[in-house]
Amino acid sequence: MFKPVAGMRPKLACEIRPEGVVAARGGPGQITVSYAGLGEGAVVPGLKVPNLVDTRAVRKALESALGDVGARSGALTVVVPDAAARVLLLDFDTLPSRRNEALPVVRFRLRKMVPFDVETASVSYQVMTEKDEQLSVLVTVIPRDVLEEYESVVRDAGFDPGVVLPGTLAAAAAVEGSSATLMVNRIGATVTTAVTQEDEMLLHRSMDLPADPVAREEEMAQAVITALAWYEDTLKRLPSTMYYAGPGGAGGAAQSRWASLVEPAPRIADLGGVKLSEITSIPAGLTAGVTGALST
C-alpha cells in the first residue's frame, strides 16, 4: 500500500473526489494529468453506500478524464476518498509470515475498531517496522459494498480497478526525501493529517468536518495543531514545512482562516510533483493522489 515496489502498480491512475475525477498517466518526470468536474452531491464519501450518488455522472467524468490522458481501457490505480475507508496503525507482538494466516489475526483486532462488518470487508496490511519484538502494522479496511461501488463504476467506464487506495495513502508516496514529513489532506468534508519518515507511516488521523463554514475552519485548525503537537512530542522538533493537498492548494491554504489559527505556523507547500503551470485546467491542490499513485 505505502511506498510500493517499482513496477507493482499500473502506470495509469484516477482519483474520484467530490469535486471531480483526476486522471494521470505515466510516471515521474513524464506525467500527463487531466480533470473532469462533477456537480455538487454527485460523490458523497462515507462508510455506507451510496458514495456515488450520481453514478452516471461519475462514469462520464471517468471516461472524460481518462480519455484526455490517452487511455481507453486497461488496469489503473483507483484513489478513493479517505472517508470511504479506515486506515489504522496497529501494534502486534507477532504475525504469521503467511498472508492467508495473518489476515484473520488482523481482522480479529479490527472487530471492535470499525463500525461495519470486518469479516466481509476488504482488508490490506503492511508491516512498517519491527522493534523490541513488536510489529507496527499499517492496516486499511473498506466495507465490501463501498469498494464494489467504486470498482463497478470504473469497470462500467471500461477499465480494470487493479489497485484501490485511500487518498492520503496514495498521496503519501509523492513525498520526496527521507526526512519526517507532515501532510494535511482535505478531501470533501474530511481532513487527514499524516506523518511519514522514509518508508514508514508514523501517523494517520482522519476526521469529519462540520458543515458550518466557521466551525469547519476551526476544526481544520485543531486537526493541524494536534498533528503538530504529536510531531513535536514524538520527533522532538517542529517541521519547517507542512505539505498540503486539497482545494485551493498551498496558496489557498496559506490564505485560509484555519491556517491563521495555527501557531506556530510552518510554511505551507503543495504536496505532489506536478506544477500548476503545467496543468492549468485542473483546480489547485487536487493532483497529489494521482501523482503519488504513480510514484515508485
C-alpha atoms as a PDB file:
ATOM      1  CA  MET A   1       0.000   0.000   0.000  1.00  0.00           C
ATOM      2  CA  PHE A   2       2.623   2.509   1.121  1.00  0.00           C
ATOM      3  CA  LYS A   3       5.809   3.157  -0.885  1.00  0.00           C
ATOM      4  CA  PRO A   4       5.189   0.403  -3.454  1.00  0.00           C
ATOM      5  CA  VAL A   5       7.862  -1.675  -5.114  1.00  0.00           C
ATOM      6  CA  ALA A   6       8.769  -0.316  -8.547  1.00  0.00           C
ATOM      7  CA  GLY A   7       6.578  -1.706 -11.302  1.00  0.00           C
ATOM      8  CA  MET A   8       3.921  -3.118  -8.988  1.00  0.00           C
ATOM      9  CA  ARG A   9       1.221  -0.559  -9.847  1.00  0.00           C
ATOM     10  CA  PRO A  10      -0.373   0.339 -13.189  1.00  0.00           C
ATOM     11  CA  LYS A  11       1.015   3.410 -14.979  1.00  0.00           C
ATOM     12  CA  LEU A  12      -2.496   4.806 -15.060  1.00  0.00           C
ATOM     13  CA  ALA A  13      -4.376   6.280 -12.114  1.00  0.00           C
ATOM     14  CA  CYS A  14      -7.526   8.185 -11.255  1.00  0.00           C
ATOM     15  CA  GLU A  15      -8.843   9.806  -8.101  1.00  0.00           C
ATOM     16  CA  ILE A  16     -12.585  10.044  -7.544  1.00  0.00           C
ATOM     17  CA  ARG A  17     -13.256  13.120  -5.388  1.00  0.00           C
ATOM     18  CA  PRO A  18     -16.371  15.119  -4.510  1.00  0.00           C
ATOM     19  CA  GLU A  19     -15.097  17.905  -6.812  1.00  0.00           C
ATOM     20  CA  GLY A  20     -14.439  15.646  -9.785  1.00  0.00           C
ATOM     21  CA  VAL A  21     -12.198  12.978 -11.269  1.00  0.00           C
ATOM     22  CA  VAL A  22      -8.445  13.498 -11.665  1.00  0.00           C
ATOM     23  CA  ALA A  23      -6.671  11.132 -14.066  1.00  0.00           C
ATOM     24  CA  ALA A  24      -2.953  10.674 -14.696  1.00  0.00           C
ATOM     25  CA  ARG A  25      -0.778   8.573 -16.935  1.00  0.00           C
ATOM     26  CA  GLY A  26       2.951   7.881 -16.982  1.00  0.00           C
ATOM     27  CA  GLY A  27       5.481   8.224 -14.234  1.00  0.00           C
ATOM     28  CA  PRO A  28       7.817  10.693 -12.537  1.00  0.00           C
ATOM     29  CA  GLY A  29       9.025  13.320 -14.978  1.00  0.00           C
ATOM     30  CA  GLN A  30       6.604  12.315 -17.722  1.00  0.00           C
ATOM     31  CA  ILE A  31       3.214  12.517 -16.101  1.00  0.00           C
ATOM     32  CA  THR A  32       0.124  13.628 -18.026  1.00  0.00           C
ATOM     33  CA  VAL A  33      -2.803  14.806 -15.921  1.00  0.00           C
ATOM     34  CA  SER A  34      -6.428  15.632 -16.690  1.00  0.00           C
ATOM     35  CA  TYR A  35      -9.551  16.608 -14.777  1.00  0.00           C
ATOM     36  CA  ALA A  36     -13.314  16.333 -15.214  1.00  0.00           C
ATOM     37  CA  GLY A  37     -15.517  18.167 -12.743  1.00  0.00           C
ATOM     38  CA  LEU A  38     -18.633  16.853 -11.018  1.00  0.00           C
ATOM     39  CA  GLY A  39     -21.740  18.599  -9.758  1.00  0.00           C
ATOM     40  CA  GLU A  40     -22.222  19.103  -6.044  1.00  0.00           C
ATOM     41  CA  GLY A  41     -23.547  15.974  -4.366  1.00  0.00           C
ATOM     42  CA  ALA A  42     -22.516  13.533  -7.101  1.00  0.00           C
ATOM     43  CA  VAL A  43     -19.961  11.955  -4.743  1.00  0.00           C
ATOM     44  CA  VAL A  44     -20.666  11.820  -1.002  1.00  0.00           C
ATOM     45  CA  PRO A  45     -17.881   9.740   0.608  1.00  0.00           C
ATOM     46  CA  GLY A  46     -18.597   7.561   3.607  1.00  0.00           C
ATOM     47  CA  LEU A  47     -18.655   4.052   5.028  1.00  0.00           C
ATOM     48  CA  LYS A  48     -22.129   3.309   3.663  1.00  0.00           C
ATOM     49  CA  VAL A  49     -23.494   3.174   0.141  1.00  0.00           C
ATOM     50  CA  PRO A  50     -24.203   5.121  -1.884  1.00  0.00           C
ATOM     51  CA  ASN A  51     -20.929   7.043  -2.096  1.00  0.00           C
ATOM     52  CA  LEU A  52     -21.587   7.632  -5.771  1.00  0.00           C
ATOM     53  CA  VAL A  53     -24.970   9.331  -5.701  1.00  0.00           C
ATOM     54  CA  ASP A  54     -24.879  10.149  -9.421  1.00  0.00           C
ATOM     55  CA  THR A  55     -23.212   7.066 -10.886  1.00  0.00           C
ATOM     56  CA  ARG A  56     -23.829   8.136 -14.488  1.00  0.00           C
ATOM     57  CA  ALA A  57     -22.085  11.488 -13.943  1.00  0.00           C
ATOM     58  CA  VAL A  58     -19.124   9.787 -12.246  1.00  0.00           C
ATOM     59  CA  ARG A  59     -18.778   7.296 -15.106  1.00  0.00           C
ATOM     60  CA  LYS A  60     -18.841  10.087 -17.693  1.00  0.00           C
ATOM     61  CA  ALA A  61     -16.239  12.044 -15.708  1.00  0.00           C
ATOM     62  CA  LEU A  62     -14.030   8.951 -15.555  1.00  0.00           C
ATOM     63  CA  GLU A  63     -14.335   8.401 -19.305  1.00  0.00           C
ATOM     64  CA  SER A  64     -13.583  12.059 -19.999  1.00  0.00           C
ATOM     65  CA  ALA A  65     -10.593  12.444 -17.680  1.00  0.00           C
ATOM     66  CA  LEU A  66      -9.009   9.118 -18.623  1.00  0.00           C
ATOM     67  CA  GLY A  67      -9.673   9.724 -22.302  1.00  0.00           C
ATOM     68  CA  ASP A  68      -7.898  13.084 -22.071  1.00  0.00           C
ATOM     69  CA  VAL A  69      -4.706  11.330 -20.930  1.00  0.00           C
ATOM     70  CA  GLY A  70      -4.968   8.947 -23.871  1.00  0.00           C
ATOM     71  CA  ALA A  71      -6.441   5.946 -22.044  1.00  0.00           C
ATOM     72  CA  ARG A  72      -9.404   3.953 -23.324  1.00  0.00           C
ATOM     73  CA  SER A  73      -9.027   0.740 -21.305  1.00  0.00           C
ATOM     74  CA  GLY A  74      -6.619  -1.180 -19.082  1.00  0.00           C
ATOM     75  CA  ALA A  75      -5.728  -1.549 -15.411  1.00  0.00           C
ATOM     76  CA  LEU A  76      -5.468   1.505 -13.206  1.00  0.00           C
ATOM     77  CA  THR A  77      -4.939   2.546  -9.612  1.00  0.00           C
ATOM     78  CA  VAL A  78      -8.185   3.931  -8.202  1.00  0.00           C
ATOM     79  CA  VAL A  79      -7.808   6.508  -5.437  1.00  0.00           C
ATOM     80  CA  VAL A  80     -10.925   6.827  -3.266  1.00  0.00           C
ATOM     81  CA  PRO A  81     -11.740   9.401  -0.569  1.00  0.00           C
ATOM     82  CA  ASP A  82     -10.346   8.792   2.902  1.00  0.00           C
ATOM     83  CA  ALA A  83     -13.882   8.810   4.312  1.00  0.00           C
ATOM     84  CA  ALA A  84     -14.687   5.636   2.341  1.00  0.00           C
ATOM     85  CA  ALA A  85     -12.141   3.570   4.297  1.00  0.00           C
ATOM     86  CA  ARG A  86     -10.398   3.316   7.618  1.00  0.00           C
ATOM     87  CA  VAL A  87      -6.601   3.433   7.911  1.00  0.00           C
ATOM     88  CA  LEU A  88      -5.066   2.370  11.219  1.00  0.00           C
ATOM     89  CA  LEU A  89      -1.613   1.849  12.677  1.00  0.00           C
ATOM     90  CA  LEU A  90      -1.699  -1.214  14.944  1.00  0.00           C
ATOM     91  CA  ASP A  91       0.926  -2.914  17.105  1.00  0.00           C
ATOM     92  CA  PHE A  92       1.257  -6.696  17.199  1.00  0.00           C
ATOM     93  CA  ASP A  93       3.578  -8.872  19.252  1.00  0.00           C
ATOM     94  CA  THR A  94       3.767 -11.207  16.265  1.00  0.00           C
ATOM     95  CA  LEU A  95       2.048 -12.015  12.977  1.00  0.00           C
ATOM     96  CA  PRO A  96       2.204 -15.176  10.892  1.00  0.00           C
ATOM     97  CA  SER A  97       4.538 -14.783   7.931  1.00  0.00           C
ATOM     98  CA  ARG A  98       1.958 -16.206   5.533  1.00  0.00           C
ATOM     99  CA  ARG A  99      -0.612 -13.654   4.445  1.00  0.00           C
ATOM    100  CA  ASN A 100      -3.550 -16.065   4.497  1.00  0.00           C
ATOM    101  CA  GLU A 101      -2.752 -16.855   8.125  1.00  0.00           C
ATOM    102  CA  ALA A 102      -2.065 -13.257   9.166  1.00  0.00           C
ATOM    103  CA  LEU A 103      -5.273 -11.747   7.757  1.00  0.00           C
ATOM    104  CA  PRO A 104      -7.605 -13.492  10.254  1.00  0.00           C
ATOM    105  CA  VAL A 105      -5.441 -12.144  13.076  1.00  0.00           C
ATOM    106  CA  VAL A 106      -5.683  -8.616  11.666  1.00  0.00           C
ATOM    107  CA  ARG A 107      -9.443  -8.949  11.133  1.00  0.00           C
ATOM    108  CA  PHE A 108      -9.892 -10.090  14.736  1.00  0.00           C
ATOM    109  CA  ARG A 109      -8.177  -6.925  16.005  1.00  0.00           C
ATOM    110  CA  LEU A 110     -10.391  -4.778  13.790  1.00  0.00           C
ATOM    111  CA  ARG A 111     -13.723  -6.178  15.009  1.00  0.00           C
ATOM    112  CA  LYS A 112     -14.261  -3.570  17.723  1.00  0.00           C
ATOM    113  CA  MET A 113     -12.411  -0.779  15.947  1.00  0.00           C
ATOM    114  CA  VAL A 114     -14.549  -0.111  12.872  1.00  0.00           C
ATOM    115  CA  PRO A 115     -18.347   0.412  12.599  1.00  0.00           C
ATOM    116  CA  PHE A 116     -19.020  -2.192   9.905  1.00  0.00           C
ATOM    117  CA  ASP A 117     -18.695  -5.912   9.235  1.00  0.00           C
ATOM    118  CA  VAL A 118     -14.985  -6.714   9.211  1.00  0.00           C
ATOM    119  CA  GLU A 119     -15.469 -10.293   8.022  1.00  0.00           C
ATOM    120  CA  THR A 120     -16.879  -9.205   4.658  1.00  0.00           C
ATOM    121  CA  ALA A 121     -14.748  -6.061   4.324  1.00  0.00           C
ATOM    122  CA  SER A 122     -11.645  -5.782   2.175  1.00  0.00           C
ATOM    123  CA  VAL A 123      -8.556  -5.686   4.407  1.00  0.00           C
ATOM    124  CA  SER A 124      -4.951  -4.966   3.445  1.00  0.00           C
ATOM    125  CA  TYR A 125      -1.953  -4.623   5.709  1.00  0.00           C
ATOM    126  CA  GLN A 126       1.737  -3.783   5.537  1.00  0.00           C
ATOM    127  CA  VAL A 127       4.351  -4.226   8.244  1.00  0.00           C
ATOM    128  CA  MET A 128       6.049  -0.880   8.816  1.00  0.00           C
ATOM    129  CA  THR A 129       8.696  -1.761  11.397  1.00  0.00           C
ATOM    130  CA  GLU A 130       9.725  -4.465  13.829  1.00  0.00           C
ATOM    131  CA  LYS A 131      11.283  -3.108  17.025  1.00  0.00           C
ATOM    132  CA  ASP A 132      11.688  -4.579  20.501  1.00  0.00           C
ATOM    133  CA  GLU A 133       9.768  -7.695  19.484  1.00  0.00           C
ATOM    134  CA  GLN A 134       6.798  -5.611  18.380  1.00  0.00           C
ATOM    135  CA  LEU A 135       5.427  -5.064  14.884  1.00  0.00           C
ATOM    136  CA  SER A 136       3.984  -1.747  13.717  1.00  0.00           C
ATOM    137  CA  VAL A 137       1.426  -2.574  11.037  1.00  0.00           C
ATOM    138  CA  LEU A 138      -0.407  -0.245   8.648  1.00  0.00           C
ATOM    139  CA  VAL A 139      -3.923  -1.563   8.029  1.00  0.00           C
ATOM    140  CA  THR A 140      -6.542  -0.411   5.544  1.00  0.00           C
ATOM    141  CA  VAL A 141     -10.113  -1.685   5.676  1.00  0.00           C
ATOM    142  CA  ILE A 142     -13.021  -0.722   3.434  1.00  0.00           C
ATOM    143  CA  PRO A 143     -16.607  -2.029   3.528  1.00  0.00           C
ATOM    144  CA  ARG A 144     -17.193  -4.546   0.746  1.00  0.00           C
ATOM    145  CA  ASP A 145     -20.245  -2.798  -0.723  1.00  0.00           C
ATOM    146  CA  VAL A 146     -18.429   0.558  -0.771  1.00  0.00           C
ATOM    147  CA  LEU A 147     -15.434  -0.971  -2.525  1.00  0.00           C
ATOM    148  CA  GLU A 148     -17.702  -2.682  -5.054  1.00  0.00           C
ATOM    149  CA  GLU A 149     -19.408   0.639  -5.775  1.00  0.00           C
ATOM    150  CA  TYR A 150     -16.124   2.292  -6.785  1.00  0.00           C
ATOM    151  CA  GLU A 151     -14.868  -0.767  -8.661  1.00  0.00           C
ATOM    152  CA  SER A 152     -18.155  -1.119 -10.568  1.00  0.00           C
ATOM    153  CA  VAL A 153     -18.173   2.437 -11.909  1.00  0.00           C
ATOM    154  CA  VAL A 154     -14.559   2.011 -13.048  1.00  0.00           C
ATOM    155  CA  ARG A 155     -15.454  -1.214 -14.870  1.00  0.00           C
ATOM    156  CA  ASP A 156     -18.503   0.448 -16.425  1.00  0.00           C
ATOM    157  CA  ALA A 157     -16.144   3.090 -17.816  1.00  0.00           C
ATOM    158  CA  GLY A 158     -14.129   0.313 -19.494  1.00  0.00           C
ATOM    159  CA  PHE A 159     -11.217  -0.017 -17.073  1.00  0.00           C
ATOM    160  CA  ASP A 160      -9.926  -2.585 -14.570  1.00  0.00           C
ATOM    161  CA  PRO A 161      -9.511  -1.423 -10.942  1.00  0.00           C
ATOM    162  CA  GLY A 162      -6.147  -3.115 -10.430  1.00  0.00           C
ATOM    163  CA  VAL A 163      -5.336  -1.286  -7.172  1.00  0.00           C
ATOM    164  CA  VAL A 164      -7.616   0.692  -4.833  1.00  0.00           C
ATOM    165  CA  LEU A 165      -6.127   3.127  -2.305  1.00  0.00           C
ATOM    166  CA  PRO A 166      -7.464   5.761   0.119  1.00  0.00           C
ATOM    167  CA  GLY A 167      -6.453   9.293  -0.835  1.00  0.00           C
ATOM    168  CA  THR A 168      -3.824  10.061   1.802  1.00  0.00           C
ATOM    169  CA  LEU A 169      -2.051   6.711   1.434  1.00  0.00           C
ATOM    170  CA  ALA A 170      -1.810   7.365  -2.291  1.00  0.00           C
ATOM    171  CA  ALA A 171      -0.636  10.949  -1.816  1.00  0.00           C
ATOM    172  CA  ALA A 172       1.989   9.933   0.754  1.00  0.00           C
ATOM    173  CA  ALA A 173       4.009   8.212  -1.949  1.00  0.00           C
ATOM    174  CA  ALA A 174       4.500  11.626  -3.592  1.00  0.00           C
ATOM    175  CA  VAL A 175       6.668  12.726  -0.643  1.00  0.00           C
ATOM    176  CA  GLU A 176      10.308  13.055  -1.655  1.00  0.00           C
ATOM    177  CA  GLY A 177      13.295  12.614   0.628  1.00  0.00           C
ATOM    178  CA  SER A 178      13.819  10.624   3.807  1.00  0.00           C
ATOM    179  CA  SER A 179      13.150  13.248   6.482  1.00  0.00           C
ATOM    180  CA  ALA A 180       9.946  13.306   8.524  1.00  0.00           C
ATOM    181  CA  THR A 181       7.089  14.949   6.623  1.00  0.00           C
ATOM    182  CA  LEU A 182       3.793  16.335   7.912  1.00  0.00           C
ATOM    183  CA  MET A 183       0.903  16.176   5.439  1.00  0.00           C
ATOM    184  CA  VAL A 184      -2.563  17.700   5.567  1.00  0.00           C
ATOM    185  CA  ASN A 185      -5.002  16.272   3.025  1.00  0.00           C
ATOM    186  CA  ARG A 186      -8.525  17.620   2.677  1.00  0.00           C
ATOM    187  CA  ILE A 187     -10.974  15.580   0.622  1.00  0.00           C
ATOM    188  CA  GLY A 188     -14.523  16.863   0.684  1.00  0.00           C
ATOM    189  CA  ALA A 189     -15.725  17.113   4.287  1.00  0.00           C
ATOM    190  CA  THR A 190     -12.800  15.082   5.675  1.00  0.00           C
ATOM    191  CA  VAL A 191      -9.317  16.175   6.696  1.00  0.00           C
ATOM    192  CA  THR A 192      -6.476  13.721   7.235  1.00  0.00           C
ATOM    193  CA  THR A 193      -3.193  14.541   8.936  1.00  0.00           C
ATOM    194  CA  ALA A 194      -0.285  12.167   8.429  1.00  0.00           C
ATOM    195  CA  VAL A 195       3.414  11.957   9.214  1.00  0.00           C
ATOM    196  CA  THR A 196       5.832   9.833   7.201  1.00  0.00           C
ATOM    197  CA  GLN A 197       9.536   9.191   7.540  1.00  0.00           C
ATOM    198  CA  GLU A 198      11.463   7.262   4.905  1.00  0.00           C
ATOM    199  CA  ASP A 199       9.370   4.144   4.216  1.00  0.00           C
ATOM    200  CA  GLU A 200       7.260   4.336   7.360  1.00  0.00           C
ATOM    201  CA  MET A 201       3.860   5.838   8.126  1.00  0.00           C
ATOM    202  CA  LEU A 202       4.128   7.216  11.660  1.00  0.00           C
ATOM    203  CA  LEU A 203       0.749   8.923  11.997  1.00  0.00           C
ATOM    204  CA  HIS A 204      -2.550   8.785  10.098  1.00  0.00           C
ATOM    205  CA  ARG A 205      -5.631  10.506  11.504  1.00  0.00           C
ATOM    206  CA  SER A 206      -8.848  11.348   9.656  1.00  0.00           C
ATOM    207  CA  MET A 207     -11.740  13.401  10.962  1.00  0.00           C
ATOM    208  CA  ASP A 208     -15.031  14.603   9.557  1.00  0.00           C
ATOM    209  CA  LEU A 209     -15.506  18.348   9.323  1.00  0.00           C
ATOM    210  CA  PRO A 210     -18.735  20.145  10.315  1.00  0.00           C
ATOM    211  CA  ALA A 211     -20.965  21.728   7.678  1.00  0.00           C
ATOM    212  CA  ASP A 212     -20.858  25.187   9.241  1.00  0.00           C
ATOM    213  CA  PRO A 213     -18.057  27.151   7.495  1.00  0.00           C
ATOM    214  CA  VAL A 214     -16.765  28.843  10.655  1.00  0.00           C
ATOM    215  CA  ALA A 215     -16.783  25.633  12.670  1.00  0.00           C
ATOM    216  CA  ARG A 216     -15.133  23.826   9.761  1.00  0.00           C
ATOM    217  CA  GLU A 217     -12.190  26.235   9.714  1.00  0.00           C
ATOM    218  CA  GLU A 218     -11.776  25.871  13.460  1.00  0.00           C
ATOM    219  CA  GLU A 219     -11.832  22.062  13.261  1.00  0.00           C
ATOM    220  CA  MET A 220      -9.299  22.137  10.413  1.00  0.00           C
ATOM    221  CA  ALA A 221      -7.005  24.243  12.567  1.00  0.00           C
ATOM    222  CA  GLN A 222      -7.462  21.946  15.570  1.00  0.00           C
ATOM    223  CA  ALA A 223      -6.620  18.868  13.480  1.00  0.00           C
ATOM    224  CA  VAL A 224      -3.388  20.503  12.298  1.00  0.00           C
ATOM    225  CA  ILE A 225      -2.469  21.761  15.783  1.00  0.00           C
ATOM    226  CA  THR A 226      -2.946  18.247  17.169  1.00  0.00           C
ATOM    227  CA  ALA A 227      -0.727  16.783  14.439  1.00  0.00           C
ATOM    228  CA  LEU A 228       1.957  19.402  15.107  1.00  0.00           C
ATOM    229  CA  ALA A 229       1.874  18.580  18.825  1.00  0.00           C
ATOM    230  CA  TRP A 230       2.243  14.867  18.044  1.00  0.00           C
ATOM    231  CA  TYR A 231       5.148  15.641  15.689  1.00  0.00           C
ATOM    232  CA  GLU A 232       6.938  17.709  18.323  1.00  0.00           C
ATOM    233  CA  ASP A 233       6.328  15.209  21.146  1.00  0.00           C
ATOM    234  CA  THR A 234       7.432  12.234  19.057  1.00  0.00           C
ATOM    235  CA  LEU A 235      10.261  13.665  16.964  1.00  0.00           C
ATOM    236  CA  LYS A 236      11.435  16.355  19.429  1.00  0.00           C
ATOM    237  CA  ARG A 237      11.218  19.152  16.894  1.00  0.00           C
ATOM    238  CA  LEU A 238       8.710  21.032  14.761  1.00  0.00           C
ATOM    239  CA  PRO A 239       8.527  20.752  10.965  1.00  0.00           C
ATOM    240  CA  SER A 240       9.679  23.758   8.963  1.00  0.00           C
ATOM    241  CA  THR A 241       7.243  22.864   6.169  1.00  0.00           C
ATOM    242  CA  MET A 242       3.750  21.399   6.131  1.00  0.00           C
ATOM    243  CA  TYR A 243       2.629  19.761   2.885  1.00  0.00           C
ATOM    244  CA  TYR A 244      -0.970  20.367   1.882  1.00  0.00           C
ATOM    245  CA  ALA A 245      -3.249  18.682  -0.624  1.00  0.00           C
ATOM    246  CA  GLY A 246      -6.822  19.767  -1.200  1.00  0.00           C
ATOM    247  CA  PRO A 247      -8.978  22.522  -2.676  1.00  0.00           C
ATOM    248  CA  GLY A 248      -7.060  25.741  -3.248  1.00  0.00           C
ATOM    249  CA  GLY A 249      -3.626  24.164  -2.988  1.00  0.00           C
ATOM    250  CA  ALA A 250      -0.913  25.599  -0.774  1.00  0.00           C
ATOM    251  CA  GLY A 251      -1.701  29.147  -1.896  1.00  0.00           C
ATOM    252  CA  GLY A 252      -5.318  28.864  -0.842  1.00  0.00           C
ATOM    253  CA  ALA A 253      -4.422  27.113   2.404  1.00  0.00           C
ATOM    254  CA  ALA A 254      -1.931  29.832   3.344  1.00  0.00           C
ATOM    255  CA  GLN A 255      -4.671  32.458   2.982  1.00  0.00           C
ATOM    256  CA  SER A 256      -7.310  30.441   4.838  1.00  0.00           C
ATOM    257  CA  ARG A 257      -8.685  31.212   8.263  1.00  0.00           C
ATOM    258  CA  TRP A 258      -7.685  27.768   9.565  1.00  0.00           C
ATOM    259  CA  ALA A 259      -4.029  28.397   8.736  1.00  0.00           C
ATOM    260  CA  SER A 260      -4.132  31.734  10.573  1.00  0.00           C
ATOM    261  CA  LEU A 261      -5.277  29.883  13.702  1.00  0.00           C
ATOM    262  CA  VAL A 262      -2.284  27.504  13.696  1.00  0.00           C
ATOM    263  CA  GLU A 263       0.583  28.523  15.976  1.00  0.00           C
ATOM    264  CA  PRO A 264       3.452  28.075  15.400  1.00  0.00           C
ATOM    265  CA  ALA A 265       2.676  28.077  11.688  1.00  0.00           C
ATOM    266  CA  PRO A 266       5.044  26.125   9.400  1.00  0.00           C
ATOM    267  CA  ARG A 267       5.482  27.129   5.780  1.00  0.00           C
ATOM    268  CA  ILE A 268       2.776  25.521   3.619  1.00  0.00           C
ATOM    269  CA  ALA A 269       3.823  23.808   0.380  1.00  0.00           C
ATOM    270  CA  ASP A 270       1.931  21.785  -2.191  1.00  0.00           C
ATOM    271  CA  LEU A 271       2.059  18.005  -1.901  1.00  0.00           C
ATOM    272  CA  GLY A 272       2.616  16.319  -5.250  1.00  0.00           C
ATOM    273  CA  GLY A 273       5.124  16.801  -8.026  1.00  0.00           C
ATOM    274  CA  VAL A 274       3.008  18.391 -10.761  1.00  0.00           C
ATOM    275  CA  LYS A 275       3.340  22.148 -11.214  1.00  0.00           C
ATOM    276  CA  LEU A 276       0.159  24.138 -11.768  1.00  0.00           C
ATOM    277  CA  SER A 277       1.699  25.901 -14.757  1.00  0.00           C
ATOM    278  CA  GLU A 278       1.703  22.515 -16.490  1.00  0.00           C
ATOM    279  CA  ILE A 279      -1.907  21.671 -15.647  1.00  0.00           C
ATOM    280  CA  THR A 280      -3.723  25.000 -15.689  1.00  0.00           C
ATOM    281  CA  SER A 281      -7.095  23.358 -16.364  1.00  0.00           C
ATOM    282  CA  ILE A 282      -7.008  21.452 -13.066  1.00  0.00           C
ATOM    283  CA  PRO A 283      -8.076  23.157  -9.819  1.00  0.00           C
ATOM    284  CA  ALA A 284      -5.168  23.792  -7.477  1.00  0.00           C
ATOM    285  CA  GLY A 285      -4.309  21.131  -4.922  1.00  0.00           C
ATOM    286  CA  LEU A 286      -6.022  18.111  -6.482  1.00  0.00           C
ATOM    287  CA  THR A 287      -3.137  16.208  -8.070  1.00  0.00           C
ATOM    288  CA  ALA A 288      -1.334  14.666  -5.071  1.00  0.00           C
ATOM    289  CA  GLY A 289      -3.378  11.457  -5.071  1.00  0.00           C
ATOM    290  CA  VAL A 290      -2.664  10.507  -8.672  1.00  0.00           C
ATOM    291  CA  THR A 291       0.923  11.771  -8.516  1.00  0.00           C
ATOM    292  CA  GLY A 292       1.568   9.535  -5.512  1.00  0.00           C
ATOM    293  CA  ALA A 293      -0.279   6.618  -7.090  1.00  0.00           C
ATOM    294  CA  LEU A 294       2.184   6.713  -9.982  1.00  0.00           C
ATOM    295  CA  SER A 295       5.266   7.140  -7.792  1.00  0.00           C
ATOM    296  CA  THR A 296       7.557   4.151  -7.266  1.00  0.00           C
END
